[in-house]
């Protein structure tokens, strides 16, 4: 009995590193998203769309100022550390740079405090400052672990922090702290994740030279601009909705956006795992591995994203109503657009990530810069006209532009190809699933959450069965992983 954990561990370690770390990331992505969904439902019913909107604005501002405090050096550190040459020196240089930038950001925040009206009125300004201060430790620890290729550990520690965050937020809201409780729980989660992850950091402070700073700076400059562009890309809609409309609209929009993230499970898990791997392969001129990994990453991501899009279009209105309340159900049309965004995001996400990992941050920035300018312009034009739907349309249009531009540049370095057979099978299985769910909805009224969830379950079973039957390669890879854990594979599949 006592040997079972060791037996399971040995079986896990027999799986290839990319598969193993992707599975771990994928598992924790599921756990975090599930707990996030449940907690957001509780917050939506307890504090309402307005308070949630204030919290989402806090998250947006925190992302921006944390990025400024990092200066792009975090990604540069992951890149240099992953290459295996003087990792301790690069880590030490990055930590000192991060500390310096964070001090400048904190001083700037206090100087400009009166301009952050939304944060001051909701009592979140101090939490924002504290989040930036804690990131001085959290950022280097997390990036150091990532640079060493320990993506499974990084994902697990991040999940521990996220779950802790949610539990503390639920407790704080229950005790009546509302917006400040949500922000405080988020800050505490960052600290907890850093404390746990520090145990697995095997880098040390050593003397470093100007060459290490210069090497990080050369890469980080373009990476910072690219990351900044992507952050503006992802947060400009939230901030501009808050500016042109109000916190309630921010809450409805962000809940709809969060709901669509289920389509991106595989994307986030694979991207987190592949970044240091692709960097290492490029350093060693293993082009075949890079091309194969991109093709399979796109295929695996679409296996989940396409059926989620179909299911969301057919059942999204009822799911929003039952899960979050009547106020949020009015975001259904926006939800359908954001589901399409997640499909396009798969291509944009991987294309820009591969450009960065292939030492092309300058080109990645150029792509992002064009998209950011278009995104902000469309948001300013469309949000006053059609509200949060305009923000969703602006995001979809510019995400598509970003993906096309990134693909054009990346294709000059490696061959990009989709597995046509896998894509065809995904579309066929999703269409069949959609037909079954549509028939169910037209036949049986969805008057309760349980009937709606039953429809979701039926759709999931139909799609899962069909995709495994039609796509032999995916089925065989999944079979290999499952049997590797000692779990018997059903003979009827």
Protein backbone atom coordinates (compact mmCIF):
# COMPACT_ATOMS: atom_id res chain seq x y z
CA UNK A 1 0.00 0.00 0.00
CA UNK A 2 2.80 2.40 0.89
CA UNK A 3 4.52 1.82 -2.45
CA UNK A 4 1.57 3.13 -4.47
CA UNK A 5 2.68 6.81 -4.43
CA UNK A 6 6.20 5.79 -5.55
CA UNK A 7 4.73 3.56 -8.26
CA UNK A 8 2.53 6.41 -9.53
CA UNK A 9 5.48 8.80 -9.47
CA UNK A 10 7.66 6.40 -11.45
CA UNK A 11 4.91 6.01 -14.05
CA UNK A 12 4.53 9.77 -14.37
CA UNK A 13 8.28 10.20 -14.84
CA UNK A 14 8.26 7.68 -17.72
CA UNK A 15 6.07 10.03 -19.76
CA UNK A 16 7.99 12.44 -22.02
CA UNK A 17 8.87 15.76 -20.33
CA UNK A 18 6.70 17.90 -22.62
CA UNK A 19 3.70 15.59 -22.18
CA UNK A 20 4.26 15.28 -18.44
CA UNK A 21 4.59 19.00 -17.81
CA UNK A 22 1.68 19.78 -20.12
CA UNK A 23 -0.51 17.30 -18.24
CA UNK A 24 0.42 18.88 -14.93
CA UNK A 25 -0.23 22.38 -16.28
CA UNK A 26 -3.48 21.23 -17.87
CA UNK A 27 -4.64 19.58 -14.63
CA UNK A 28 -3.98 22.67 -12.56
CA UNK A 29 -5.56 24.86 -15.22
CA UNK A 30 -8.72 22.79 -14.86
CA UNK A 31 -8.62 22.98 -11.06
CA UNK A 32 -8.04 26.73 -11.02
CA UNK A 33 -10.63 27.48 -13.68
CA UNK A 34 -13.21 25.32 -11.95
CA UNK A 35 -12.64 26.99 -8.58
CA UNK A 36 -12.53 30.37 -10.30
CA UNK A 37 -15.86 29.74 -11.98
CA UNK A 38 -17.55 28.66 -8.76
CA UNK A 39 -16.12 31.57 -6.75
CA UNK A 40 -17.09 34.11 -9.43
CA UNK A 41 -20.64 32.76 -9.35
CA UNK A 42 -20.66 33.32 -5.60
CA UNK A 43 -19.23 36.83 -5.98
CA UNK A 44 -21.70 37.67 -8.76
CA UNK A 45 -24.68 36.70 -6.60
CA UNK A 46 -23.21 38.23 -3.42
CA UNK A 47 -21.60 41.56 -4.40
CA UNK A 48 -23.03 42.11 -7.91
CA UNK A 49 -21.63 43.28 -11.22
CA UNK A 50 -20.47 46.70 -9.98
CA UNK A 51 -18.13 45.39 -7.26
CA UNK A 52 -16.83 42.71 -9.60
CA UNK A 53 -16.16 45.46 -12.14
CA UNK A 54 -14.10 47.40 -9.59
CA UNK A 55 -12.06 44.27 -8.85
CA UNK A 56 -11.47 43.59 -12.54
CA UNK A 57 -10.18 47.14 -12.93
CA UNK A 58 -7.77 46.48 -10.06
CA UNK A 59 -6.55 43.36 -11.88
CA UNK A 60 -6.06 45.39 -15.07
CA UNK A 61 -4.03 48.09 -13.34
CA UNK A 62 -2.00 45.50 -11.41
CA UNK A 63 -1.10 43.75 -14.64
CA UNK A 64 0.11 46.98 -16.18
CA UNK A 65 2.24 48.15 -13.26
CA UNK A 66 3.65 44.70 -12.57
CA UNK A 67 4.75 44.56 -16.20
CA UNK A 68 6.42 47.96 -15.89
CA UNK A 69 8.18 46.78 -12.72
CA UNK A 70 9.41 43.72 -14.60
CA UNK A 71 10.50 45.71 -17.65
CA UNK A 72 10.54 42.60 -19.84
CA UNK A 73 13.56 41.31 -17.95
CA UNK A 74 11.58 38.37 -16.56
CA UNK A 75 11.06 36.84 -19.99
CA UNK A 76 14.66 37.65 -20.89
CA UNK A 77 15.84 35.88 -17.72
CA UNK A 78 13.78 32.79 -18.57
CA UNK A 79 15.31 32.81 -22.04
CA UNK A 80 18.93 33.16 -20.87
CA UNK A 81 18.59 30.76 -17.92
CA UNK A 82 16.95 28.14 -20.16
CA UNK A 83 19.99 28.26 -22.46
CA UNK A 84 22.08 26.83 -19.62
CA UNK A 85 25.00 29.28 -19.70
CA UNK A 86 25.73 31.05 -16.37
CA UNK A 87 22.15 30.78 -15.08
CA UNK A 88 23.01 32.03 -11.56
CA UNK A 89 24.59 35.20 -12.92
CA UNK A 90 21.58 35.97 -15.12
CA UNK A 91 19.21 35.30 -12.23
CA UNK A 92 21.17 37.62 -9.92
CA UNK A 93 21.26 40.40 -12.50
CA UNK A 94 17.54 40.06 -13.11
CA UNK A 95 16.70 40.24 -9.40
CA UNK A 96 18.60 43.49 -8.90
CA UNK A 97 17.01 45.03 -12.00
CA UNK A 98 13.55 43.96 -10.86
CA UNK A 99 14.12 45.46 -7.41
CA UNK A 100 15.22 48.79 -8.91
CA UNK A 101 12.30 49.02 -11.33
CA UNK A 102 9.80 48.12 -8.61
CA UNK A 103 11.06 50.90 -6.33
CA UNK A 104 10.62 53.40 -9.17
CA UNK A 105 7.08 52.14 -9.86
CA UNK A 106 6.05 52.38 -6.19
CA UNK A 107 7.38 55.94 -5.91
CA UNK A 108 5.58 56.88 -9.12
CA UNK A 109 2.30 55.40 -7.86
CA UNK A 110 2.41 57.46 -4.66
CA UNK A 111 3.31 60.58 -6.62
CA UNK A 112 0.33 60.12 -8.98
CA UNK A 113 -2.07 58.69 -6.39
CA UNK A 114 -4.70 61.42 -6.83
CA UNK A 115 -5.12 60.51 -10.51
CA UNK A 116 -6.29 56.96 -9.74
CA UNK A 117 -9.84 57.96 -8.88
CA UNK A 118 -11.38 54.51 -9.43
CA UNK A 119 -8.82 52.78 -7.22
CA UNK A 120 -9.04 55.39 -4.47
CA UNK A 121 -12.84 55.36 -4.27
CA UNK A 122 -12.93 51.55 -4.07
CA UNK A 123 -10.14 51.39 -1.47
CA UNK A 124 -7.82 49.37 -3.72
CA UNK A 125 -4.89 51.73 -4.22
CA UNK A 126 -2.93 50.43 -1.24
CA UNK A 127 -3.51 46.85 -2.36
CA UNK A 128 -2.11 47.75 -5.76
CA UNK A 129 1.08 49.12 -4.20
CA UNK A 130 1.43 46.04 -2.01
CA UNK A 131 1.00 43.77 -5.03
CA UNK A 132 3.86 45.54 -6.84
CA UNK A 133 6.10 45.23 -3.75
CA UNK A 134 5.41 41.50 -3.38
CA UNK A 135 6.15 40.97 -7.06
CA UNK A 136 9.79 41.86 -6.32
CA UNK A 137 10.11 38.37 -4.81
CA UNK A 138 7.37 36.52 -6.67
CA UNK A 139 8.57 37.47 -10.16
CA UNK A 140 12.21 36.35 -9.91
CA UNK A 141 11.29 33.14 -8.07
CA UNK A 142 8.71 32.13 -10.68
CA UNK A 143 10.88 33.08 -13.66
CA UNK A 144 13.88 31.34 -12.15
CA UNK A 145 11.93 28.09 -11.79
CA UNK A 146 10.59 28.49 -15.34
CA UNK A 147 14.06 29.09 -16.75
CA UNK A 148 15.23 25.83 -15.23
CA UNK A 149 12.47 24.02 -17.14
CA UNK A 150 10.46 23.07 -14.05
CA UNK A 151 7.16 24.00 -15.62
CA UNK A 152 5.18 21.33 -13.81
CA UNK A 153 6.38 22.68 -10.46
CA UNK A 154 5.71 26.23 -11.57
CA UNK A 155 2.16 25.36 -12.61
CA UNK A 156 1.51 23.51 -9.35
CA UNK A 157 2.79 26.39 -7.21
CA UNK A 158 0.79 28.90 -9.24
CA UNK A 159 -2.30 26.75 -8.71
CA UNK A 160 -1.68 26.63 -4.95
CA UNK A 161 -1.50 30.43 -4.95
CA UNK A 162 -4.62 30.78 -7.07
CA UNK A 163 -6.66 28.38 -4.96
CA UNK A 164 -5.47 30.12 -1.79
CA UNK A 165 -6.45 33.44 -3.36
CA UNK A 166 -9.96 32.21 -4.11
CA UNK A 167 -10.48 30.73 -0.66
CA UNK A 168 -9.36 33.96 1.02
CA UNK A 169 -11.54 36.04 -1.31
CA UNK A 170 -14.60 33.95 -0.54
CA UNK A 171 -13.91 34.32 3.18
CA UNK A 172 -13.38 38.07 2.86
CA UNK A 173 -16.58 38.57 0.85
CA UNK A 174 -18.49 36.43 3.33
CA UNK A 175 -17.23 38.70 6.12
CA UNK A 176 -18.43 41.74 4.17
CA UNK A 177 -15.18 43.23 2.83
CA UNK A 178 -16.38 43.13 -0.81
CA UNK A 179 -14.01 44.91 -3.28
CA UNK A 180 -11.11 45.32 -0.85
CA UNK A 181 -11.51 41.70 0.19
CA UNK A 182 -11.24 40.57 -3.43
CA UNK A 183 -8.09 42.64 -3.97
CA UNK A 184 -6.56 41.55 -0.65
CA UNK A 185 -7.17 37.90 -1.44
CA UNK A 186 -5.45 38.34 -4.82
CA UNK A 187 -2.38 39.88 -3.18
CA UNK A 188 -2.23 37.12 -0.56
CA UNK A 189 -2.40 34.48 -3.29
CA UNK A 190 0.66 35.96 -5.02
CA UNK A 191 2.62 35.84 -1.76
CA UNK A 192 1.60 32.25 -0.95
CA UNK A 193 2.59 31.03 -4.42
CA UNK A 194 6.01 32.70 -4.07
CA UNK A 195 6.63 31.12 -0.66
CA UNK A 196 5.78 27.62 -1.92
CA UNK A 197 7.73 28.00 -5.17
CA UNK A 198 10.85 29.26 -3.41
CA UNK A 199 11.37 25.73 -2.08
CA UNK A 200 12.07 24.53 -5.65
CA UNK A 201 14.34 27.37 -6.77
CA UNK A 202 17.87 26.02 -7.27
CA UNK A 203 19.47 29.26 -8.45
CA UNK A 204 21.74 31.34 -6.23
CA UNK A 205 22.97 34.89 -5.97
CA UNK A 206 26.44 35.27 -7.46
CA UNK A 207 28.56 38.07 -8.83
CA UNK A 208 27.50 39.15 -12.27
CA UNK A 209 28.99 41.46 -14.83
CA UNK A 210 27.84 44.14 -17.21
CA UNK A 211 27.73 41.55 -19.98
CA UNK A 212 24.88 39.77 -18.19
CA UNK A 213 22.90 42.98 -17.79
CA UNK A 214 23.57 43.90 -21.41
CA UNK A 215 22.52 40.46 -22.63
CA UNK A 216 19.27 40.67 -20.67
CA UNK A 217 18.67 44.23 -21.81
CA UNK A 218 19.12 43.41 -25.49
CA UNK A 219 16.43 40.75 -25.31
CA UNK A 220 14.20 42.39 -22.68
CA UNK A 221 13.72 45.69 -24.51
CA UNK A 222 11.74 44.15 -27.34
CA UNK A 223 10.15 41.58 -25.06
CA UNK A 224 8.97 44.38 -22.76
CA UNK A 225 7.44 46.25 -25.65
CA UNK A 226 5.81 43.07 -26.91
CA UNK A 227 4.53 42.09 -23.45
CA UNK A 228 3.34 45.63 -22.89
CA UNK A 229 1.53 45.55 -26.17
CA UNK A 230 -0.10 42.22 -25.35
CA UNK A 231 -1.11 43.52 -21.93
CA UNK A 232 -2.63 46.65 -23.43
CA UNK A 233 -4.25 44.33 -25.95
CA UNK A 234 -5.84 42.27 -23.17
CA UNK A 235 -6.69 45.09 -20.74
CA UNK A 236 -7.50 48.13 -22.88
CA UNK A 237 -11.07 46.90 -23.39
CA UNK A 238 -11.58 46.61 -19.62
CA UNK A 239 -10.16 50.07 -18.87
CA UNK A 240 -11.99 51.76 -21.74
CA UNK A 241 -15.31 50.11 -20.82
CA UNK A 242 -14.78 51.49 -17.32
CA UNK A 243 -14.03 54.93 -18.78
CA UNK A 244 -16.89 55.15 -21.28
CA UNK A 245 -19.47 53.14 -19.35
CA UNK A 246 -19.21 51.92 -15.75
CA UNK A 247 -18.14 49.23 -13.29
CA UNK A 248 -21.30 47.20 -13.88
CA UNK A 249 -20.54 46.91 -17.59
CA UNK A 250 -16.95 45.99 -16.77
CA UNK A 251 -18.24 43.22 -14.52
CA UNK A 252 -20.59 41.79 -17.16
CA UNK A 253 -17.90 41.91 -19.85
CA UNK A 254 -15.16 40.34 -17.76
CA UNK A 255 -17.44 37.56 -16.49
CA UNK A 256 -18.30 36.69 -20.10
CA UNK A 257 -14.60 36.78 -20.96
CA UNK A 258 -13.72 34.57 -18.00
CA UNK A 259 -16.40 32.13 -19.05
CA UNK A 260 -14.71 31.68 -22.43
CA UNK A 261 -11.34 30.79 -20.91
CA UNK A 262 -12.42 27.15 -20.67
CA UNK A 263 -11.69 27.05 -24.40
CA UNK A 264 -8.07 27.98 -23.72
CA UNK A 265 -7.19 25.21 -21.22
CA UNK A 266 -4.83 23.39 -23.56
CA UNK A 267 -3.42 26.61 -25.00
CA UNK A 268 -2.21 27.98 -21.66
CA UNK A 269 -0.90 24.62 -20.47
CA UNK A 270 1.07 23.95 -23.66
CA UNK A 271 2.40 27.49 -23.98
CA UNK A 272 3.73 27.43 -20.42
CA UNK A 273 5.47 24.13 -21.06
CA UNK A 274 6.78 24.78 -24.56
CA UNK A 275 8.38 28.22 -24.11
CA UNK A 276 11.65 27.05 -22.48
CA UNK A 277 11.67 23.86 -24.59
CA UNK A 278 11.41 25.76 -27.89
CA UNK A 279 14.09 28.18 -26.72
CA UNK A 280 16.42 25.25 -26.00
CA UNK A 281 15.63 23.53 -29.32
CA UNK A 282 16.35 26.71 -31.26
CA UNK A 283 19.66 27.13 -29.45
CA UNK A 284 20.60 23.60 -30.58
CA UNK A 285 19.18 23.98 -34.13
CA UNK A 286 16.54 21.26 -33.63
CA UNK A 287 14.13 22.74 -36.15
CA UNK A 288 12.14 19.55 -36.70
CA UNK A 289 11.17 19.42 -33.03
CA UNK A 290 10.05 23.06 -33.14
CA UNK A 291 7.87 22.56 -36.22
CA UNK A 292 6.32 19.37 -34.91
CA UNK A 293 5.61 20.89 -31.49
CA UNK A 294 3.84 23.88 -33.06
CA UNK A 295 1.69 21.69 -35.28
CA UNK A 296 0.64 19.43 -32.40
CA UNK A 297 0.13 22.35 -30.02
CA UNK A 298 -2.30 23.99 -32.44
CA UNK A 299 -4.13 20.70 -32.95
CA UNK A 300 -4.45 19.91 -29.25
CA UNK A 301 -5.68 23.42 -28.49
CA UNK A 302 -8.35 23.34 -31.19
CA UNK A 303 -9.60 19.96 -29.96
CA UNK A 304 -11.04 21.78 -26.96
CA UNK A 305 -11.65 25.30 -28.28
CA UNK A 306 -13.88 24.43 -31.25
CA UNK A 307 -16.49 22.33 -29.36
CA UNK A 308 -16.54 24.90 -26.55
CA UNK A 309 -17.36 27.57 -29.13
CA UNK A 310 -20.21 25.48 -30.54
CA UNK A 311 -21.57 24.61 -27.11
CA UNK A 312 -21.27 28.19 -25.88
CA UNK A 313 -23.24 29.54 -28.83
CA UNK A 314 -26.03 27.01 -28.22
CA UNK A 315 -26.21 27.15 -24.42
CA UNK A 316 -24.35 30.31 -23.35
CA UNK A 317 -27.43 32.40 -22.61
CA UNK A 318 -28.81 29.83 -20.17
CA UNK A 319 -25.44 29.18 -18.56
CA UNK A 320 -24.86 32.88 -17.89
CA UNK A 321 -28.36 33.26 -16.46
CA UNK A 322 -28.22 30.27 -14.13
CA UNK A 323 -24.59 30.62 -13.09
CA UNK A 324 -24.30 34.37 -12.55
CA UNK A 325 -27.76 35.91 -12.59
CA UNK A 326 -30.09 37.89 -14.84
CA UNK A 327 -27.78 40.93 -15.03
CA UNK A 328 -25.02 38.86 -16.62
CA UNK A 329 -27.30 37.07 -19.09
CA UNK A 330 -27.41 40.26 -21.15
CA UNK A 331 -23.77 39.58 -22.03
CA UNK A 332 -24.69 36.54 -24.17
CA UNK A 333 -24.06 38.18 -27.56
CA UNK A 334 -20.73 39.45 -26.28
CA UNK A 335 -19.98 35.93 -25.07
CA UNK A 336 -20.40 34.45 -28.55
CA UNK A 337 -17.90 36.94 -30.00
CA UNK A 338 -15.43 36.27 -27.19
CA UNK A 339 -15.69 32.51 -27.81
CA UNK A 340 -14.55 33.17 -31.38
CA UNK A 341 -11.75 35.32 -29.94
CA UNK A 342 -10.45 32.30 -28.03
CA UNK A 343 -10.13 30.27 -31.23
CA UNK A 344 -8.17 33.05 -32.96
CA UNK A 345 -6.19 33.55 -29.76
CA UNK A 346 -4.76 30.04 -30.08
CA UNK A 347 -2.93 30.99 -33.27
CA UNK A 348 -1.92 34.45 -32.05
CA UNK A 349 -0.72 33.02 -28.74
CA UNK A 350 1.53 30.36 -30.23
CA UNK A 351 2.82 32.39 -33.17
CA UNK A 352 4.01 35.27 -30.99
CA UNK A 353 5.37 32.90 -28.34
CA UNK A 354 7.41 31.01 -30.92
CA UNK A 355 8.77 34.28 -32.31
CA UNK A 356 10.01 35.23 -28.84
CA UNK A 357 11.43 31.76 -28.15
CA UNK A 358 13.22 31.84 -31.53
CA UNK A 359 15.06 35.02 -30.51
CA UNK A 360 12.86 37.30 -32.63
CA UNK A 361 11.36 39.64 -30.00
CA UNK A 362 11.80 42.69 -32.24
CA UNK A 363 9.58 41.19 -34.94
CA UNK A 364 7.09 40.05 -32.32
CA UNK A 365 6.87 43.61 -31.03
CA UNK A 366 6.26 45.07 -34.46
CA UNK A 367 3.32 42.73 -34.93
CA UNK A 368 1.90 43.53 -31.52
CA UNK A 369 2.42 47.28 -31.87
CA UNK A 370 0.31 47.45 -35.02
CA UNK A 371 -2.43 45.37 -33.39
CA UNK A 372 -2.44 47.46 -30.21
CA UNK A 373 -2.90 50.73 -32.09
CA UNK A 374 -5.77 49.24 -34.10
CA UNK A 375 -7.27 47.69 -30.95
CA UNK A 376 -7.35 50.95 -28.99
CA UNK A 377 -8.75 52.85 -31.97
CA UNK A 378 -11.53 50.30 -32.49
CA UNK A 379 -12.36 50.25 -28.77
CA UNK A 380 -12.62 54.03 -28.65
CA UNK A 381 -14.82 53.98 -31.75
CA UNK A 382 -17.07 51.01 -30.95
CA UNK A 383 -17.58 51.05 -27.16
CA UNK A 384 -19.48 54.39 -27.13
CA UNK A 385 -21.61 53.12 -30.05
CA UNK A 386 -22.51 49.54 -29.05
CA UNK A 387 -21.09 49.09 -25.56
CA UNK A 388 -19.37 45.90 -24.46
CA UNK A 389 -20.23 44.19 -27.75
CA UNK A 390 -18.03 46.78 -29.44
CA UNK A 391 -15.14 45.85 -27.15
CA UNK A 392 -15.55 42.19 -28.09
CA UNK A 393 -15.63 42.96 -31.82
CA UNK A 394 -12.54 45.16 -31.49
CA UNK A 395 -10.71 42.35 -29.71
CA UNK A 396 -11.68 39.77 -32.33
CA UNK A 397 -10.64 41.97 -35.27
CA UNK A 398 -7.27 42.91 -33.84
CA UNK A 399 -6.55 39.40 -32.54
CA UNK A 400 -7.05 38.12 -36.09
CA UNK A 401 -4.74 40.84 -37.44
CA UNK A 402 -2.09 39.93 -34.86
CA UNK A 403 -2.26 36.23 -35.73
CA UNK A 404 -1.95 36.84 -39.48
CA UNK A 405 1.01 39.21 -39.13
CA UNK A 406 2.82 36.90 -36.69
CA UNK A 407 2.29 33.90 -38.97
CA UNK A 408 3.72 35.78 -41.92
CA UNK A 409 6.98 36.46 -40.08
CA UNK A 410 7.24 33.07 -38.36
CA UNK A 411 6.75 31.24 -41.66
CA UNK A 412 10.01 32.73 -42.94
CA UNK A 413 11.87 30.88 -40.17
CA UNK A 414 10.06 27.55 -39.86
CA UNK A 415 7.44 25.61 -41.78
CA UNK A 416 3.97 26.12 -40.29
CA UNK A 417 1.39 23.52 -41.06
CA UNK A 418 -1.89 22.42 -39.53
CA UNK A 419 -2.71 18.75 -39.41
CA UNK A 420 -5.58 18.76 -41.89
CA UNK A 421 -6.93 15.39 -40.80
CA UNK A 422 -7.09 16.40 -37.14
CA UNK A 423 -8.73 19.73 -38.00
CA UNK A 424 -11.30 17.99 -40.20
CA UNK A 425 -12.12 15.52 -37.42
CA UNK A 426 -12.53 18.32 -34.89
CA UNK A 427 -14.98 20.16 -37.14
CA UNK A 428 -16.98 17.00 -37.91
CA UNK A 429 -17.21 15.93 -34.26
CA UNK A 430 -18.13 19.47 -33.15
CA UNK A 431 -20.85 19.72 -35.80
CA UNK A 432 -22.34 16.40 -34.73
CA UNK A 433 -22.22 17.47 -31.09
CA UNK A 434 -23.88 20.78 -31.97
CA UNK A 435 -26.69 19.00 -33.80
CA UNK A 436 -27.35 16.75 -30.79
CA UNK A 437 -27.35 19.68 -28.34
CA UNK A 438 -29.57 21.80 -30.60
CA UNK A 439 -32.07 18.95 -30.93
CA UNK A 440 -32.06 18.50 -27.15
CA UNK A 441 -32.70 22.21 -26.57
CA UNK A 442 -35.52 22.36 -29.11
CA UNK A 443 -37.13 19.29 -27.58
CA UNK A 444 -36.69 19.90 -23.85
CA UNK A 445 -37.07 23.40 -22.31
CA UNK A 446 -33.98 24.43 -20.33
CA UNK A 447 -35.87 25.75 -17.30
CA UNK A 448 -33.31 24.75 -14.66
CA UNK A 449 -29.56 24.64 -14.23
CA UNK A 450 -29.56 20.86 -13.94
CA UNK A 451 -31.25 20.29 -17.28
CA UNK A 452 -28.84 22.78 -18.86
CA UNK A 453 -25.85 20.95 -17.36
CA UNK A 454 -27.30 17.66 -18.58
CA UNK A 455 -27.33 19.10 -22.09
CA UNK A 456 -23.68 20.11 -21.63
CA UNK A 457 -22.80 16.61 -20.44
CA UNK A 458 -24.52 14.94 -23.39
CA UNK A 459 -22.68 17.23 -25.81
CA UNK A 460 -19.34 16.49 -24.13
CA UNK A 461 -19.87 12.72 -24.27
CA UNK A 462 -20.88 12.81 -27.94
CA UNK A 463 -17.90 14.96 -28.91
CA UNK A 464 -15.38 13.00 -26.84
CA UNK A 465 -16.50 9.68 -28.27
CA UNK A 466 -16.46 10.91 -31.86
CA UNK A 467 -13.09 12.66 -31.73
CA UNK A 468 -11.42 9.60 -30.23
CA UNK A 469 -13.00 7.34 -32.83
CA UNK A 470 -12.14 9.57 -35.78
CA UNK A 471 -8.69 10.90 -34.83
CA UNK A 472 -6.49 7.85 -34.44
CA UNK A 473 -3.29 9.73 -33.65
CA UNK A 474 -4.80 11.74 -30.82
CA UNK A 475 -6.50 8.62 -29.49
CA UNK A 476 -3.23 6.67 -29.50
CA UNK A 477 -1.32 9.47 -27.76
CA UNK A 478 -4.00 9.76 -25.10
CA UNK A 479 -4.04 5.97 -24.70
CA UNK A 480 -0.28 5.98 -24.21
CA UNK A 481 -0.53 8.62 -21.49
CA UNK A 482 -3.47 6.98 -19.70
CA UNK A 483 -1.98 3.49 -19.73
CA UNK A 484 1.30 5.02 -18.59
CA UNK A 485 -0.46 5.86 -15.33
CA UNK A 486 -1.54 2.23 -15.03
CA UNK A 487 -5.17 3.04 -15.92
CA UNK A 488 -6.83 0.50 -18.27
CA UNK A 489 -7.94 1.85 -21.65
CA UNK A 490 -11.56 1.00 -22.66
CA UNK A 491 -11.60 -1.68 -25.35
CA UNK A 492 -14.57 -0.09 -27.15
CA UNK A 493 -12.60 3.07 -28.03
